[in-house]
């Protein structure tokens, strides 16, 4: 288990300098930009106006825009506190994705 975590850290070390601003370009560049936005919107909406969660600001004033994508509510458990503390949704999304791999090693 520790070998898995150590291997992951070595392989992912090149990502760390760009962690706060970069999103993966592969396999799907568009999704890589949508996911941090969705996570940031859901964090914002749950903290300020939970009843307006699905009325995302992506195509305002069109209603229910978040229904066209997954609101990633399960990920909010990790992302919301990080995004609220740091104010950077890209960094929060990257940290949750980054930490999910070594934490998965401890699930067994």
Protein backbone atom coordinates (compact mmCIF):
# COMPACT_ATOMS: atom_id res chain seq x y z
CA UNK A 1 0.00 0.00 0.00
CA UNK A 2 2.77 2.47 0.87
CA UNK A 3 4.60 1.47 -2.30
CA UNK A 4 1.48 2.38 -4.29
CA UNK A 5 1.28 5.82 -2.65
CA UNK A 6 5.01 6.44 -3.13
CA UNK A 7 4.81 5.44 -6.81
CA UNK A 8 1.85 7.71 -7.34
CA UNK A 9 3.60 10.68 -5.72
CA UNK A 10 6.68 10.16 -7.89
CA UNK A 11 4.61 9.89 -11.07
CA UNK A 12 2.42 12.89 -10.21
CA UNK A 13 5.23 15.14 -8.98
CA UNK A 14 5.49 16.88 -12.37
CA UNK A 15 1.91 18.13 -12.01
CA UNK A 16 2.42 19.91 -8.72
CA UNK A 17 3.97 23.18 -10.00
CA UNK A 18 0.89 23.78 -12.21
CA UNK A 19 -1.70 22.41 -9.81
CA UNK A 20 -3.50 25.67 -9.06
CA UNK A 21 -4.16 26.69 -12.66
CA UNK A 22 -3.89 23.71 -14.99
CA UNK A 23 -6.53 21.22 -16.03
CA UNK A 24 -5.80 18.00 -17.93
CA UNK A 25 -5.89 18.39 -21.71
CA UNK A 26 -6.51 14.69 -22.31
CA UNK A 27 -8.68 12.73 -22.85
CA UNK A 28 -11.33 15.47 -23.11
CA UNK A 29 -10.25 19.11 -22.99
CA UNK A 30 -13.80 20.48 -22.77
CA UNK A 31 -14.76 18.33 -19.78
CA UNK A 32 -11.58 19.36 -18.01
CA UNK A 33 -12.81 22.96 -18.05
CA UNK A 34 -16.44 22.20 -17.27
CA UNK A 35 -15.76 20.13 -14.15
CA UNK A 36 -14.06 22.88 -12.09
CA UNK A 37 -16.81 25.30 -13.11
CA UNK A 38 -19.56 22.84 -12.05
CA UNK A 39 -17.79 22.21 -8.74
CA UNK A 40 -17.40 25.96 -8.14
CA UNK A 41 -21.02 26.68 -9.04
CA UNK A 42 -22.44 23.94 -6.81
CA UNK A 43 -20.23 25.08 -3.92
CA UNK A 44 -21.41 28.66 -4.42
CA UNK A 45 -25.09 27.76 -4.84
CA UNK A 46 -25.20 25.45 -1.82
CA UNK A 47 -23.61 28.13 0.35
CA UNK A 48 -25.69 31.07 -0.86
CA UNK A 49 -28.99 29.90 -2.38
CA UNK A 50 -29.55 26.12 -2.29
CA UNK A 51 -32.96 26.46 -3.92
CA UNK A 52 -31.29 27.93 -7.01
CA UNK A 53 -28.77 25.09 -7.40
CA UNK A 54 -29.96 23.94 -10.83
CA UNK A 55 -30.34 27.50 -12.17
CA UNK A 56 -26.65 27.80 -12.97
CA UNK A 57 -25.25 31.02 -14.39
CA UNK A 58 -23.77 29.44 -17.50
CA UNK A 59 -26.56 30.59 -19.84
CA UNK A 60 -28.40 33.10 -17.68
CA UNK A 61 -31.37 33.77 -17.73
CA UNK A 62 -32.17 30.32 -19.17
CA UNK A 63 -33.50 28.16 -16.30
CA UNK A 64 -32.26 24.81 -15.02
CA UNK A 65 -28.91 24.88 -16.85
CA UNK A 66 -27.21 22.52 -14.39
CA UNK A 67 -29.63 19.75 -15.36
CA UNK A 68 -27.63 19.36 -18.59
CA UNK A 69 -24.61 18.03 -16.70
CA UNK A 70 -23.78 16.01 -13.62
CA UNK A 71 -23.77 18.29 -10.55
CA UNK A 72 -21.02 16.10 -9.00
CA UNK A 73 -22.66 16.27 -5.59
CA UNK A 74 -20.57 13.42 -4.16
CA UNK A 75 -17.37 15.29 -5.02
CA UNK A 76 -18.64 18.35 -3.14
CA UNK A 77 -17.78 16.59 0.12
CA UNK A 78 -14.12 17.13 -0.69
CA UNK A 79 -14.24 20.13 -3.00
CA UNK A 80 -16.54 22.50 -1.09
CA UNK A 81 -14.33 22.96 1.98
CA UNK A 82 -11.19 23.32 -0.14
CA UNK A 83 -12.79 25.79 -2.54
CA UNK A 84 -14.27 27.80 0.32
CA UNK A 85 -10.93 27.92 2.13
CA UNK A 86 -8.79 28.74 -0.87
CA UNK A 87 -11.18 30.34 -3.34
CA UNK A 88 -9.64 28.44 -6.26
CA UNK A 89 -11.98 25.86 -7.83
CA UNK A 90 -9.28 24.50 -10.16
CA UNK A 91 -6.94 23.86 -7.24
CA UNK A 92 -9.76 22.27 -5.20
CA UNK A 93 -10.79 20.00 -8.09
CA UNK A 94 -7.17 18.98 -8.73
CA UNK A 95 -6.53 18.26 -5.05
CA UNK A 96 -9.60 16.04 -4.77
CA UNK A 97 -8.65 14.16 -7.95
CA UNK A 98 -5.02 13.91 -6.82
CA UNK A 99 -5.89 12.64 -3.34
CA UNK A 100 -8.45 10.12 -4.57
CA UNK A 101 -5.76 7.83 -5.98
CA UNK A 102 -3.62 7.35 -2.86
CA UNK A 103 -6.75 7.26 -0.67
CA UNK A 104 -8.14 4.48 -2.86
CA UNK A 105 -5.11 2.40 -1.88
CA UNK A 106 -6.30 2.48 1.71
CA UNK A 107 -9.84 1.38 0.79
CA UNK A 108 -8.87 -2.28 0.58
